[in-house]
C-alpha atoms as a PDB file:
ATOM      1  CA  MET A   1      59.572  59.722-226.010  1.00  0.00           C
ATOM      2  CA  VAL A   2      61.954  62.096-228.588  1.00  0.00           C
ATOM      3  CA  LEU A   3      61.339  62.384-231.880  1.00  0.00           C
ATOM      4  CA  SER A   4      64.211  62.877-234.364  1.00  0.00           C
ATOM      5  CA  SER A   5      65.302  65.177-236.443  1.00  0.00           C
ATOM      6  CA  ARG A   6      63.483  63.908-239.489  1.00  0.00           C
ATOM      7  CA  GLY A   7      59.827  63.576-237.003  1.00  0.00           C
ATOM      8  CA  GLU A   8      60.664  59.408-236.357  1.00  0.00           C
ATOM      9  CA  LEU A   9      60.083  58.632-233.048  1.00  0.00           C
ATOM     10  CA  MET A  10      63.355  57.226-231.330  1.00  0.00           C
ATOM     11  CA  LYS A  11      62.338  54.696-228.432  1.00  0.00           C
ATOM     12  CA  ASN A  12      65.703  53.878-227.004  1.00  0.00           C
ATOM     13  CA  ALA A  13      67.582  56.519-224.850  1.00  0.00           C
ATOM     14  CA  LEU A  14      70.141  54.200-224.659  1.00  0.00           C
ATOM     15  CA  VAL A  15      71.232  54.220-228.008  1.00  0.00           C
ATOM     16  CA  TYR A  16      71.480  58.015-227.439  1.00  0.00           C
ATOM     17  CA  ALA A  17      73.758  57.203-224.269  1.00  0.00           C
ATOM     18  CA  TYR A  18      75.777  55.042-226.177  1.00  0.00           C
ATOM     19  CA  ILE A  19      76.743  57.873-228.655  1.00  0.00           C
ATOM     20  CA  GLY A  20      77.040  60.403-225.930  1.00  0.00           C
ATOM     21  CA  ASP A  21      79.382  58.787-224.168  1.00  0.00           C
ATOM     22  CA  SER A  22      81.933  58.687-226.763  1.00  0.00           C
ATOM     23  CA  ILE A  23      81.221  62.247-227.854  1.00  0.00           C
ATOM     24  CA  TYR A  24      81.233  63.147-224.142  1.00  0.00           C
ATOM     25  CA  GLU A  25      84.880  61.957-223.913  1.00  0.00           C
ATOM     26  CA  CYS A  26      86.377  63.392-226.447  1.00  0.00           C
ATOM     27  CA  TYR A  27      85.405  66.288-225.550  1.00  0.00           C
ATOM     28  CA  ILE A  28      86.809  65.964-222.232  1.00  0.00           C
ATOM     29  CA  ARG A  29      90.330  64.391-223.805  1.00  0.00           C
ATOM     30  CA  LYS A  30      90.351  67.604-226.112  1.00  0.00           C
ATOM     31  CA  TYR A  31      90.177  70.024-223.297  1.00  0.00           C
ATOM     32  CA  LEU A  32      92.220  67.839-221.047  1.00  0.00           C
ATOM     33  CA  ILE A  33      95.154  68.287-223.937  1.00  0.00           C
ATOM     34  CA  SER A  34      94.736  71.640-224.551  1.00  0.00           C
ATOM     35  CA  LYS A  35      95.852  72.027-220.800  1.00  0.00           C
ATOM     36  CA  ASN A  36      98.986  70.562-221.611  1.00  0.00           C
ATOM     37  CA  PHE A  37      98.292  67.466-219.877  1.00  0.00           C
ATOM     38  CA  THR A  38     101.207  65.189-222.035  1.00  0.00           C
ATOM     39  CA  LYS A  39     101.734  62.489-219.993  1.00  0.00           C
ATOM     40  CA  LEU A  40      98.927  59.649-220.506  1.00  0.00           C
ATOM     41  CA  LYS A  41      99.011  58.738-216.818  1.00  0.00           C
ATOM     42  CA  ASP A  42      98.120  61.936-215.986  1.00  0.00           C
ATOM     43  CA  LEU A  43      95.821  62.352-218.854  1.00  0.00           C
ATOM     44  CA  GLN A  44      93.989  59.590-217.412  1.00  0.00           C
ATOM     45  CA  HIS A  45      94.242  60.442-214.101  1.00  0.00           C
ATOM     46  CA  GLU A  46      92.743  63.697-214.670  1.00  0.00           C
ATOM     47  CA  SER A  47      89.860  62.045-217.160  1.00  0.00           C
ATOM     48  CA  LEU A  48      88.464  60.800-213.994  1.00  0.00           C
ATOM     49  CA  ASN A  49      87.803  64.244-212.975  1.00  0.00           C
ATOM     50  CA  TYR A  50      84.797  64.767-215.624  1.00  0.00           C
ATOM     51  CA  VAL A  51      84.053  61.039-217.075  1.00  0.00           C
ATOM     52  CA  SER A  52      83.601  58.670-214.326  1.00  0.00           C
ATOM     53  CA  ALA A  53      79.644  57.690-213.476  1.00  0.00           C
ATOM     54  CA  VAL A  54      80.126  59.607-210.316  1.00  0.00           C
ATOM     55  CA  SER A  55      82.149  62.529-211.584  1.00  0.00           C
ATOM     56  CA  GLN A  56      78.969  62.641-214.408  1.00  0.00           C
ATOM     57  CA  ARG A  57      76.776  62.846-211.795  1.00  0.00           C
ATOM     58  CA  LYS A  58      78.208  65.553-209.891  1.00  0.00           C
ATOM     59  CA  HIS A  59      78.527  67.935-212.697  1.00  0.00           C
ATOM     60  CA  LEU A  60      74.786  67.229-213.846  1.00  0.00           C
ATOM     61  CA  GLU A  61      73.950  67.848-210.406  1.00  0.00           C
ATOM     62  CA  LEU A  62      75.871  71.397-210.261  1.00  0.00           C
ATOM     63  CA  LEU A  63      74.012  72.236-213.904  1.00  0.00           C
ATOM     64  CA  GLU A  64      70.610  71.362-212.450  1.00  0.00           C
ATOM     65  CA  GLN A  65      71.755  73.502-209.628  1.00  0.00           C
ATOM     66  CA  GLU A  66      72.773  76.318-211.807  1.00  0.00           C
ATOM     67  CA  ASN A  67      69.247  75.924-213.746  1.00  0.00           C
ATOM     68  CA  PHE A  68      71.703  75.762-216.401  1.00  0.00           C
ATOM     69  CA  LEU A  69      69.896  73.028-218.411  1.00  0.00           C
ATOM     70  CA  THR A  70      66.359  73.698-220.201  1.00  0.00           C
ATOM     71  CA  GLN A  71      62.993  71.777-219.443  1.00  0.00           C
ATOM     72  CA  GLU A  72      63.471  70.093-222.868  1.00  0.00           C
ATOM     73  CA  GLU A  73      67.093  69.149-221.804  1.00  0.00           C
ATOM     74  CA  LEU A  74      65.899  67.742-217.846  1.00  0.00           C
ATOM     75  CA  ASP A  75      63.499  65.800-219.762  1.00  0.00           C
ATOM     76  CA  ILE A  76      65.798  64.381-221.709  1.00  0.00           C
ATOM     77  CA  VAL A  77      67.830  63.948-218.785  1.00  0.00           C
ATOM     78  CA  LYS A  78      65.175  62.095-216.781  1.00  0.00           C
ATOM     79  CA  TRP A  79      64.290  59.973-219.905  1.00  0.00           C
ATOM     80  CA  GLY A  80      67.678  58.609-220.363  1.00  0.00           C
ATOM     81  CA  ARG A  81      68.263  58.356-216.375  1.00  0.00           C
ATOM     82  CA  ASN A  82      64.994  56.276-216.403  1.00  0.00           C
ATOM     83  CA  ALA A  83      66.048  54.081-219.217  1.00  0.00           C
ATOM     84  CA  HIS A  84      66.194  50.298-218.582  1.00  0.00           C
ATOM     85  CA  GLY A  85      69.538  48.945-219.284  1.00  0.00           C
ATOM     86  CA  GLY A  86      73.136  47.700-217.799  1.00  0.00           C
ATOM     87  CA  LYS A  87      74.210  48.359-214.500  1.00  0.00           C
ATOM     88  CA  SER A  88      77.853  49.308-213.392  1.00  0.00           C
ATOM     89  CA  LYS A  89      79.765  47.208-211.616  1.00  0.00           C
ATOM     90  CA  ALA A  90      82.069  50.368-210.538  1.00  0.00           C
ATOM     91  CA  THR A  91      79.167  52.336-208.783  1.00  0.00           C
ATOM     92  CA  ASP A  92      75.942  51.660-207.179  1.00  0.00           C
ATOM     93  CA  ILE A  93      72.266  52.086-209.294  1.00  0.00           C
ATOM     94  CA  VAL A  94      70.994  56.072-208.807  1.00  0.00           C
ATOM     95  CA  THR A  95      74.899  57.629-209.906  1.00  0.00           C
ATOM     96  CA  TYR A  96      74.451  55.359-213.073  1.00  0.00           C
ATOM     97  CA  ARG A  97      71.505  56.240-214.261  1.00  0.00           C
ATOM     98  CA  LEU A  98      71.953  59.740-213.667  1.00  0.00           C
ATOM     99  CA  ALA A  99      75.081  59.202-215.772  1.00  0.00           C
ATOM    100  CA  THR A 100      73.388  57.459-218.190  1.00  0.00           C
ATOM    101  CA  GLY A 101      70.737  60.773-218.145  1.00  0.00           C
ATOM    102  CA  LEU A 102      74.048  63.248-219.065  1.00  0.00           C
ATOM    103  CA  GLU A 103      75.093  61.128-221.384  1.00  0.00           C
ATOM    104  CA  CYS A 104      71.672  60.659-223.313  1.00  0.00           C
ATOM    105  CA  LEU A 105      71.636  64.231-223.641  1.00  0.00           C
ATOM    106  CA  ILE A 106      74.851  65.104-225.551  1.00  0.00           C
ATOM    107  CA  GLY A 107      73.549  62.266-227.781  1.00  0.00           C
ATOM    108  CA  TYR A 108      69.989  63.487-228.247  1.00  0.00           C
ATOM    109  CA  LEU A 109      72.136  66.993-228.752  1.00  0.00           C
ATOM    110  CA  TYR A 110      73.859  65.477-231.251  1.00  0.00           C
ATOM    111  CA  TYR A 111      71.620  64.066-233.116  1.00  0.00           C
ATOM    112  CA  GLN A 112      69.499  67.225-233.769  1.00  0.00           C
ATOM    113  CA  ASN A 113      72.645  68.914-235.100  1.00  0.00           C
ATOM    114  CA  LYS A 114      72.784  70.911-231.570  1.00  0.00           C
ATOM    115  CA  GLN A 115      76.341  71.189-231.374  1.00  0.00           C
ATOM    116  CA  ASP A 116      77.039  74.554-230.546  1.00  0.00           C
ATOM    117  CA  ARG A 117      74.729  73.340-227.232  1.00  0.00           C
ATOM    118  CA  ILE A 118      76.790  70.655-226.482  1.00  0.00           C
ATOM    119  CA  LYS A 119      79.733  73.206-226.267  1.00  0.00           C
ATOM    120  CA  GLU A 120      78.257  75.163-224.101  1.00  0.00           C
ATOM    121  CA  ILE A 121      77.233  72.415-221.685  1.00  0.00           C
ATOM    122  CA  MET A 122      80.706  71.041-221.959  1.00  0.00           C
ATOM    123  CA  GLU A 123      82.658  74.440-221.797  1.00  0.00           C
ATOM    124  CA  ARG A 124      80.453  74.765-218.154  1.00  0.00           C
ATOM    125  CA  ILE A 125      81.317  71.174-217.204  1.00  0.00           C
ATOM    126  CA  THR A 126      85.158  72.123-217.462  1.00  0.00           C
ATOM    127  CA  SER A 127      84.342  75.676-216.369  1.00  0.00           C
ATOM    128  CA  HIS A 128      83.910  73.386-212.833  1.00  0.00           C
ATOM    129  CA  GLU A 129      86.649  73.473-210.028  1.00  0.00           C
ATOM    130  CA  SER A 130      87.615  69.848-209.609  1.00  0.00           C
ATOM    131  CA  ILE A 131      84.472  68.275-208.119  1.00  0.00           C
ATOM    132  CA  TRP A 132      87.298  66.050-205.692  1.00  0.00           C
END
């Protein structure tokens, strides 16, 4: 269980994942545009290196291997990973849940007004060489 910035208990990790997904994708789009991708086809293709569930899982695993996340952040990822939500048609359940865990972390940090930490995490993710 996680407390909101007002001390209220937030019971649904999927709410954090919902907003985290949007924030994550927005950061990636901004990053790709800054790299001078100008054609929509190229932007869409390159974004898959970051926003697909498979990519998010790989980036999360790299963050964990690098010991980049705090214990609290790892707990939030686990909370999001274990939330019972839908199932992706495009990937296996383990990959989908790990991606949900990363999105949950981003959403949680957003609601805790920790934009600097979101930026650090996203910069680290975009610093990974292409994972494909």
